[in-house]
Amino acid sequence: MGALTRLERFDELFPDFFRRFARPLALADEVPGDIKLDLIENDKDYLVRADVPGAKKEDIRVSVDRNFVSIAADVKREREERQGGRVLVKETYVGSASRGFSLAHEIDEKEVRATLEDGVLRLTLPKRDGAGGHSIAIE
């Protein structure tokens, strides 16, 4: 007899107990793990679109060190369900998300531009003149 069969039987003994906790929490699906991003390279710069829902601009930190970019955000989300005047469910998430990546070219840190709109961080990362990757001939 497998473990799944034993668990199904246990569930049958206490159906109301498990039904109460089986409801998926909507907030759990909305909490960030890693920051999801799109990266596009042009001749002169990189364009980054990073999803950081629930973060305010003062809670987002972007750092650039030569060709390494780091994005970190503190995120807070709350959801409350009311029925009449009573609170039935209140779910709160406080946490952080981060993402780091290396690029083929060094970035001109002084010319980086960042904007945040509707939970989307947009970065323009200009390539530093004369820096970046180059091909190595194999002997």
N, C-alpha and C. Protein backbone atom coordinates (compact mmCIF):
# COMPACT_ATOMS: atom_id res chain seq x y z
N MET A 1 0.86 -1.18 0.00
CA MET A 1 0.00 0.00 0.00
C MET A 1 0.90 1.23 0.00
N GLY A 2 0.69 2.12 -0.97
CA GLY A 2 1.53 3.31 -1.10
C GLY A 2 1.13 4.39 -0.12
N ALA A 3 2.01 5.37 0.02
CA ALA A 3 1.77 6.48 0.94
C ALA A 3 0.55 7.30 0.51
N LEU A 4 0.31 7.43 -0.79
CA LEU A 4 -0.82 8.20 -1.27
C LEU A 4 -2.14 7.58 -0.81
N THR A 5 -2.24 6.26 -0.85
CA THR A 5 -3.46 5.58 -0.43
C THR A 5 -3.72 5.83 1.05
N ARG A 6 -2.67 5.77 1.88
CA ARG A 6 -2.84 6.04 3.31
C ARG A 6 -3.30 7.47 3.55
N LEU A 7 -2.76 8.42 2.79
CA LEU A 7 -3.16 9.82 2.96
C LEU A 7 -4.60 10.03 2.51
N GLU A 8 -5.02 9.36 1.47
CA GLU A 8 -6.40 9.48 1.02
C GLU A 8 -7.35 8.97 2.09
N ARG A 9 -7.01 7.88 2.73
CA ARG A 9 -7.86 7.34 3.80
C ARG A 9 -7.91 8.31 4.98
N PHE A 10 -6.78 8.90 5.34
CA PHE A 10 -6.73 9.86 6.43
C PHE A 10 -7.61 11.06 6.11
N ASP A 11 -7.57 11.50 4.85
CA ASP A 11 -8.40 12.61 4.39
C ASP A 11 -9.89 12.25 4.52
N GLU A 12 -10.24 11.00 4.26
CA GLU A 12 -11.64 10.58 4.36
C GLU A 12 -12.12 10.59 5.81
N LEU A 13 -11.23 10.37 6.76
CA LEU A 13 -11.61 10.38 8.17
C LEU A 13 -11.94 11.79 8.67
N PHE A 14 -11.25 12.80 8.13
CA PHE A 14 -11.41 14.17 8.59
C PHE A 14 -11.66 15.12 7.40
N PRO A 15 -12.73 14.91 6.65
CA PRO A 15 -12.92 15.70 5.42
C PRO A 15 -13.09 17.20 5.69
N ASP A 16 -13.80 17.59 6.75
CA ASP A 16 -14.00 19.01 7.02
C ASP A 16 -12.70 19.70 7.39
N PHE A 17 -11.86 19.00 8.12
CA PHE A 17 -10.58 19.57 8.53
C PHE A 17 -9.73 19.91 7.31
N PHE A 18 -9.60 18.96 6.37
CA PHE A 18 -8.77 19.19 5.19
C PHE A 18 -9.41 20.14 4.20
N ARG A 19 -10.72 20.17 4.12
CA ARG A 19 -11.40 21.09 3.20
C ARG A 19 -11.11 22.53 3.60
N ARG A 20 -11.00 22.80 4.88
CA ARG A 20 -10.72 24.15 5.36
C ARG A 20 -9.36 24.64 4.88
N PHE A 21 -8.37 23.74 4.82
CA PHE A 21 -7.02 24.14 4.44
C PHE A 21 -6.71 23.88 2.97
N ALA A 22 -7.59 23.22 2.26
CA ALA A 22 -7.34 22.90 0.87
C ALA A 22 -7.56 24.09 -0.05
N ARG A 23 -8.25 25.12 0.41
CA ARG A 23 -8.51 26.30 -0.41
C ARG A 23 -7.19 26.97 -0.74
N PRO A 24 -6.87 27.11 -2.03
CA PRO A 24 -5.61 27.75 -2.38
C PRO A 24 -5.62 29.22 -1.99
N LEU A 25 -4.53 29.69 -1.47
CA LEU A 25 -4.43 31.08 -1.07
C LEU A 25 -4.06 31.93 -2.28
N ALA A 26 -4.87 32.89 -2.59
CA ALA A 26 -4.62 33.74 -3.76
C ALA A 26 -3.32 34.51 -3.59
N LEU A 27 -3.02 34.96 -2.40
CA LEU A 27 -1.82 35.75 -2.18
C LEU A 27 -0.56 34.93 -2.42
N ALA A 28 -0.61 33.64 -2.13
CA ALA A 28 0.57 32.81 -2.32
C ALA A 28 1.00 32.75 -3.78
N ASP A 29 0.06 32.85 -4.71
CA ASP A 29 0.40 32.85 -6.12
C ASP A 29 1.00 34.17 -6.56
N GLU A 30 0.80 35.23 -5.79
CA GLU A 30 1.23 36.55 -6.20
C GLU A 30 2.57 36.96 -5.61
N VAL A 31 3.11 36.20 -4.68
CA VAL A 31 4.36 36.61 -4.05
C VAL A 31 5.53 36.31 -4.98
N PRO A 32 6.50 37.21 -5.02
CA PRO A 32 7.60 37.01 -5.95
C PRO A 32 8.60 36.00 -5.46
N GLY A 33 9.19 35.30 -6.36
CA GLY A 33 10.35 34.47 -6.05
C GLY A 33 11.53 35.26 -6.57
N ASP A 34 11.93 34.96 -7.77
CA ASP A 34 12.94 35.76 -8.42
C ASP A 34 12.26 36.86 -9.21
N ILE A 35 13.00 37.90 -9.48
CA ILE A 35 12.49 38.98 -10.32
C ILE A 35 12.57 38.50 -11.77
N LYS A 36 11.47 38.52 -12.45
CA LYS A 36 11.42 38.11 -13.86
C LYS A 36 11.84 39.30 -14.71
N LEU A 37 12.64 39.04 -15.75
CA LEU A 37 13.08 40.16 -16.57
C LEU A 37 13.23 39.80 -18.03
N ASP A 38 13.17 40.84 -18.87
CA ASP A 38 13.47 40.75 -20.29
C ASP A 38 14.71 41.61 -20.51
N LEU A 39 15.62 41.15 -21.35
CA LEU A 39 16.86 41.86 -21.62
C LEU A 39 17.05 41.94 -23.13
N ILE A 40 17.21 43.16 -23.63
CA ILE A 40 17.43 43.39 -25.05
C ILE A 40 18.74 44.14 -25.22
N GLU A 41 19.58 43.68 -26.14
CA GLU A 41 20.85 44.36 -26.41
C GLU A 41 20.75 45.10 -27.74
N ASN A 42 21.16 46.37 -27.73
CA ASN A 42 21.28 47.19 -28.93
C ASN A 42 22.76 47.48 -29.14
N ASP A 43 23.08 48.26 -30.17
CA ASP A 43 24.47 48.62 -30.43
C ASP A 43 25.08 49.42 -29.30
N LYS A 44 24.28 50.32 -28.71
CA LYS A 44 24.82 51.25 -27.72
C LYS A 44 24.45 50.94 -26.27
N ASP A 45 23.42 50.13 -26.06
CA ASP A 45 23.00 49.89 -24.68
C ASP A 45 22.22 48.59 -24.54
N TYR A 46 21.90 48.29 -23.28
CA TYR A 46 21.03 47.17 -22.94
C TYR A 46 19.75 47.78 -22.37
N LEU A 47 18.62 47.17 -22.70
CA LEU A 47 17.34 47.58 -22.15
C LEU A 47 16.81 46.43 -21.30
N VAL A 48 16.45 46.74 -20.07
CA VAL A 48 15.97 45.73 -19.13
C VAL A 48 14.56 46.10 -18.70
N ARG A 49 13.68 45.13 -18.73
CA ARG A 49 12.31 45.27 -18.20
C ARG A 49 12.18 44.21 -17.12
N ALA A 50 12.04 44.66 -15.87
CA ALA A 50 11.98 43.73 -14.73
C ALA A 50 10.66 43.89 -14.00
N ASP A 51 9.98 42.77 -13.74
CA ASP A 51 8.73 42.78 -13.00
C ASP A 51 9.01 42.76 -11.50
N VAL A 52 8.58 43.81 -10.81
CA VAL A 52 8.72 43.89 -9.35
C VAL A 52 7.39 44.37 -8.75
N PRO A 53 6.31 43.59 -8.95
CA PRO A 53 5.01 44.02 -8.44
C PRO A 53 5.00 44.11 -6.92
N GLY A 54 4.33 45.13 -6.42
CA GLY A 54 4.23 45.30 -4.98
C GLY A 54 5.37 46.07 -4.36
N ALA A 55 6.37 46.47 -5.15
CA ALA A 55 7.51 47.22 -4.62
C ALA A 55 7.36 48.69 -4.98
N LYS A 56 7.70 49.55 -4.04
CA LYS A 56 7.72 50.99 -4.29
C LYS A 56 9.13 51.37 -4.73
N LYS A 57 9.24 52.51 -5.41
CA LYS A 57 10.57 52.87 -5.94
C LYS A 57 11.61 53.04 -4.84
N GLU A 58 11.20 53.47 -3.65
CA GLU A 58 12.17 53.62 -2.56
C GLU A 58 12.59 52.27 -1.97
N ASP A 59 11.89 51.19 -2.35
CA ASP A 59 12.23 49.86 -1.86
C ASP A 59 13.02 49.02 -2.87
N ILE A 60 13.38 49.65 -4.00
CA ILE A 60 14.13 48.94 -5.03
C ILE A 60 15.55 49.48 -5.07
N ARG A 61 16.51 48.56 -5.14
CA ARG A 61 17.92 48.93 -5.22
C ARG A 61 18.52 48.32 -6.48
N VAL A 62 19.13 49.17 -7.29
CA VAL A 62 19.81 48.72 -8.49
C VAL A 62 21.27 49.12 -8.36
N SER A 63 22.16 48.17 -8.60
CA SER A 63 23.58 48.49 -8.58
C SER A 63 24.25 47.92 -9.82
N VAL A 64 25.25 48.64 -10.30
CA VAL A 64 26.00 48.24 -11.47
C VAL A 64 27.47 48.27 -11.11
N ASP A 65 28.15 47.16 -11.35
CA ASP A 65 29.59 47.08 -11.11
C ASP A 65 30.23 46.50 -12.37
N ARG A 66 30.77 47.38 -13.18
CA ARG A 66 31.37 47.04 -14.47
C ARG A 66 30.35 46.38 -15.39
N ASN A 67 30.30 45.06 -15.45
CA ASN A 67 29.33 44.40 -16.33
C ASN A 67 28.30 43.58 -15.54
N PHE A 68 28.30 43.72 -14.22
CA PHE A 68 27.35 42.98 -13.38
C PHE A 68 26.26 43.92 -12.88
N VAL A 69 25.00 43.51 -13.06
CA VAL A 69 23.85 44.31 -12.64
C VAL A 69 23.10 43.53 -11.57
N SER A 70 22.73 44.22 -10.51
CA SER A 70 21.98 43.61 -9.42
C SER A 70 20.72 44.43 -9.15
N ILE A 71 19.60 43.72 -9.05
CA ILE A 71 18.32 44.35 -8.72
C ILE A 71 17.79 43.65 -7.47
N ALA A 72 17.44 44.43 -6.46
CA ALA A 72 16.85 43.87 -5.23
C ALA A 72 15.65 44.72 -4.85
N ALA A 73 14.61 44.09 -4.30
CA ALA A 73 13.40 44.81 -3.93
C ALA A 73 12.80 44.23 -2.66
N ASP A 74 12.34 45.12 -1.80
CA ASP A 74 11.55 44.73 -0.63
C ASP A 74 10.09 44.84 -1.05
N VAL A 75 9.32 43.78 -0.80
CA VAL A 75 7.95 43.71 -1.28
C VAL A 75 7.01 43.48 -0.10
N LYS A 76 5.90 44.21 -0.12
CA LYS A 76 4.87 44.01 0.89
C LYS A 76 3.53 43.94 0.18
N ARG A 77 2.77 42.89 0.47
CA ARG A 77 1.44 42.73 -0.12
C ARG A 77 0.46 42.37 0.98
N GLU A 78 -0.72 42.92 0.88
CA GLU A 78 -1.78 42.59 1.83
C GLU A 78 -3.06 42.33 1.07
N ARG A 79 -3.83 41.40 1.57
CA ARG A 79 -5.15 41.11 1.01
C ARG A 79 -6.08 40.85 2.18
N GLU A 80 -7.24 41.41 2.11
CA GLU A 80 -8.20 41.26 3.20
C GLU A 80 -9.57 40.95 2.62
N GLU A 81 -10.23 39.95 3.18
CA GLU A 81 -11.60 39.61 2.80
C GLU A 81 -12.51 39.94 3.96
N ARG A 82 -13.57 40.67 3.65
CA ARG A 82 -14.55 41.05 4.69
C ARG A 82 -15.92 40.51 4.32
N GLN A 83 -16.67 40.20 5.34
CA GLN A 83 -18.06 39.84 5.16
C GLN A 83 -18.83 40.62 6.20
N GLY A 84 -19.64 41.55 5.71
CA GLY A 84 -20.29 42.45 6.66
C GLY A 84 -19.21 43.34 7.25
N GLY A 85 -19.18 43.46 8.56
CA GLY A 85 -18.17 44.27 9.23
C GLY A 85 -17.00 43.46 9.76
N ARG A 86 -17.04 42.14 9.53
CA ARG A 86 -16.01 41.27 10.09
C ARG A 86 -14.94 40.94 9.05
N VAL A 87 -13.71 40.84 9.52
CA VAL A 87 -12.63 40.39 8.67
C VAL A 87 -12.59 38.87 8.73
N LEU A 88 -12.74 38.21 7.58
CA LEU A 88 -12.71 36.75 7.53
C LEU A 88 -11.29 36.23 7.30
N VAL A 89 -10.60 36.87 6.38
CA VAL A 89 -9.24 36.45 6.04
C VAL A 89 -8.40 37.69 5.85
N LYS A 90 -7.21 37.71 6.42
CA LYS A 90 -6.25 38.77 6.17
C LYS A 90 -4.91 38.11 5.95
N GLU A 91 -4.38 38.29 4.75
CA GLU A 91 -3.10 37.68 4.41
C GLU A 91 -2.10 38.78 4.13
N THR A 92 -0.94 38.65 4.71
CA THR A 92 0.11 39.64 4.53
C THR A 92 1.39 38.93 4.14
N TYR A 93 2.06 39.49 3.16
CA TYR A 93 3.36 38.97 2.73
C TYR A 93 4.37 40.11 2.80
N VAL A 94 5.47 39.88 3.48
CA VAL A 94 6.58 40.82 3.51
C VAL A 94 7.82 40.01 3.21
N GLY A 95 8.56 40.43 2.22
CA GLY A 95 9.75 39.68 1.86
C GLY A 95 10.60 40.46 0.87
N SER A 96 11.52 39.77 0.27
CA SER A 96 12.39 40.42 -0.70
C SER A 96 12.61 39.50 -1.89
N ALA A 97 12.97 40.13 -2.98
CA ALA A 97 13.29 39.39 -4.20
C ALA A 97 14.54 40.04 -4.78
N SER A 98 15.34 39.25 -5.48
CA SER A 98 16.55 39.80 -6.06
C SER A 98 16.92 39.05 -7.33
N ARG A 99 17.73 39.71 -8.12
CA ARG A 99 18.20 39.12 -9.38
C ARG A 99 19.50 39.80 -9.75
N GLY A 100 20.46 39.03 -10.17
CA GLY A 100 21.74 39.56 -10.64
C GLY A 100 22.13 38.88 -11.93
N PHE A 101 22.81 39.60 -12.80
CA PHE A 101 23.21 39.02 -14.08
C PHE A 101 24.42 39.76 -14.62
N SER A 102 25.21 39.05 -15.42
CA SER A 102 26.39 39.61 -16.07
C SER A 102 26.09 39.88 -17.53
N LEU A 103 26.69 40.94 -18.05
CA LEU A 103 26.52 41.32 -19.44
C LEU A 103 27.86 41.18 -20.17
N ALA A 104 27.81 41.16 -21.48
CA ALA A 104 29.03 41.01 -22.27
C ALA A 104 29.88 42.27 -22.30
N HIS A 105 29.28 43.43 -22.01
CA HIS A 105 29.99 44.71 -22.04
C HIS A 105 29.92 45.38 -20.68
N GLU A 106 30.93 46.18 -20.38
CA GLU A 106 30.87 47.00 -19.17
C GLU A 106 29.85 48.11 -19.39
N ILE A 107 29.23 48.53 -18.28
CA ILE A 107 28.18 49.54 -18.33
C ILE A 107 28.73 50.87 -17.85
N ASP A 108 28.31 51.95 -18.51
CA ASP A 108 28.66 53.30 -18.08
C ASP A 108 27.70 53.69 -16.95
N GLU A 109 28.14 53.48 -15.70
CA GLU A 109 27.27 53.66 -14.53
C GLU A 109 26.68 55.06 -14.44
N LYS A 110 27.41 56.07 -14.91
CA LYS A 110 26.95 57.46 -14.80
C LYS A 110 25.77 57.76 -15.72
N GLU A 111 25.56 56.95 -16.74
CA GLU A 111 24.51 57.20 -17.72
C GLU A 111 23.30 56.26 -17.59
N VAL A 112 23.30 55.41 -16.57
CA VAL A 112 22.19 54.47 -16.38
C VAL A 112 20.93 55.25 -16.03
N ARG A 113 19.81 54.84 -16.64
CA ARG A 113 18.50 55.44 -16.35
C ARG A 113 17.57 54.34 -15.85
N ALA A 114 16.77 54.69 -14.83
CA ALA A 114 15.83 53.72 -14.25
C ALA A 114 14.49 54.40 -14.01
N THR A 115 13.40 53.72 -14.39
CA THR A 115 12.05 54.21 -14.11
C THR A 115 11.20 53.05 -13.60
N LEU A 116 10.19 53.38 -12.81
CA LEU A 116 9.27 52.37 -12.29
C LEU A 116 7.85 52.83 -12.59
N GLU A 117 7.09 51.96 -13.24
CA GLU A 117 5.70 52.28 -13.53
C GLU A 117 4.87 51.00 -13.49
N ASP A 118 3.84 51.01 -12.66
CA ASP A 118 2.91 49.87 -12.54
C ASP A 118 3.63 48.56 -12.25
N GLY A 119 4.61 48.60 -11.36
CA GLY A 119 5.32 47.38 -10.96
C GLY A 119 6.35 46.89 -11.95
N VAL A 120 6.66 47.71 -12.96
CA VAL A 120 7.66 47.33 -13.96
C VAL A 120 8.82 48.31 -13.88
N LEU A 121 10.00 47.78 -13.60
CA LEU A 121 11.23 48.57 -13.57
C LEU A 121 11.86 48.50 -14.95
N ARG A 122 12.16 49.67 -15.51
CA ARG A 122 12.82 49.74 -16.81
C ARG A 122 14.19 50.38 -16.63
N LEU A 123 15.20 49.68 -17.11
CA LEU A 123 16.58 50.17 -17.02
C LEU A 123 17.14 50.36 -18.42
N THR A 124 17.85 51.45 -18.61
CA THR A 124 18.64 51.65 -19.81
C THR A 124 20.09 51.65 -19.36
N LEU A 125 20.85 50.67 -19.84
CA LEU A 125 22.22 50.45 -19.40
C LEU A 125 23.16 50.70 -20.59
N PRO A 126 23.69 51.92 -20.72
CA PRO A 126 24.58 52.22 -21.85
C PRO A 126 25.90 51.47 -21.73
N LYS A 127 26.36 50.99 -22.87
CA LYS A 127 27.66 50.31 -22.90
C LYS A 127 28.77 51.34 -22.77
N ARG A 128 29.79 50.99 -22.05
CA ARG A 128 30.95 51.86 -21.91
C ARG A 128 31.78 51.78 -23.19
N ASP A 129 32.19 52.94 -23.71
CA ASP A 129 33.00 52.96 -24.93
C ASP A 129 34.32 52.25 -24.71
N GLY A 130 34.69 51.43 -25.66
CA GLY A 130 35.98 50.73 -25.62
C GLY A 130 36.02 49.56 -24.67
N ALA A 131 34.93 49.30 -23.96
CA ALA A 131 34.91 48.17 -23.03
C ALA A 131 34.02 47.08 -23.59
N GLY A 132 34.17 45.93 -23.05
CA GLY A 132 33.26 44.85 -23.43
C GLY A 132 33.98 43.63 -23.90
N GLY A 133 33.18 42.71 -24.36
CA GLY A 133 33.73 41.43 -24.79
C GLY A 133 34.44 41.53 -26.12
N HIS A 134 35.34 40.63 -26.31
CA HIS A 134 36.02 40.53 -27.60
C HIS A 134 36.31 39.07 -27.86
N SER A 135 36.48 38.76 -29.11
CA SER A 135 36.73 37.37 -29.49
C SER A 135 38.19 37.03 -29.33
N ILE A 136 38.43 35.81 -28.92
CA ILE A 136 39.79 35.31 -28.75
C ILE A 136 40.04 34.27 -29.84
N ALA A 137 41.12 34.46 -30.57
CA ALA A 137 41.49 33.48 -31.59
C ALA A 137 42.08 32.27 -30.92
N ILE A 138 41.68 31.11 -31.36
CA ILE A 138 42.22 29.87 -30.81
C ILE A 138 43.39 29.43 -31.66
N GLU A 139 44.50 29.20 -31.00
CA GLU A 139 45.73 28.80 -31.72
C GLU A 139 45.80 27.32 -31.93
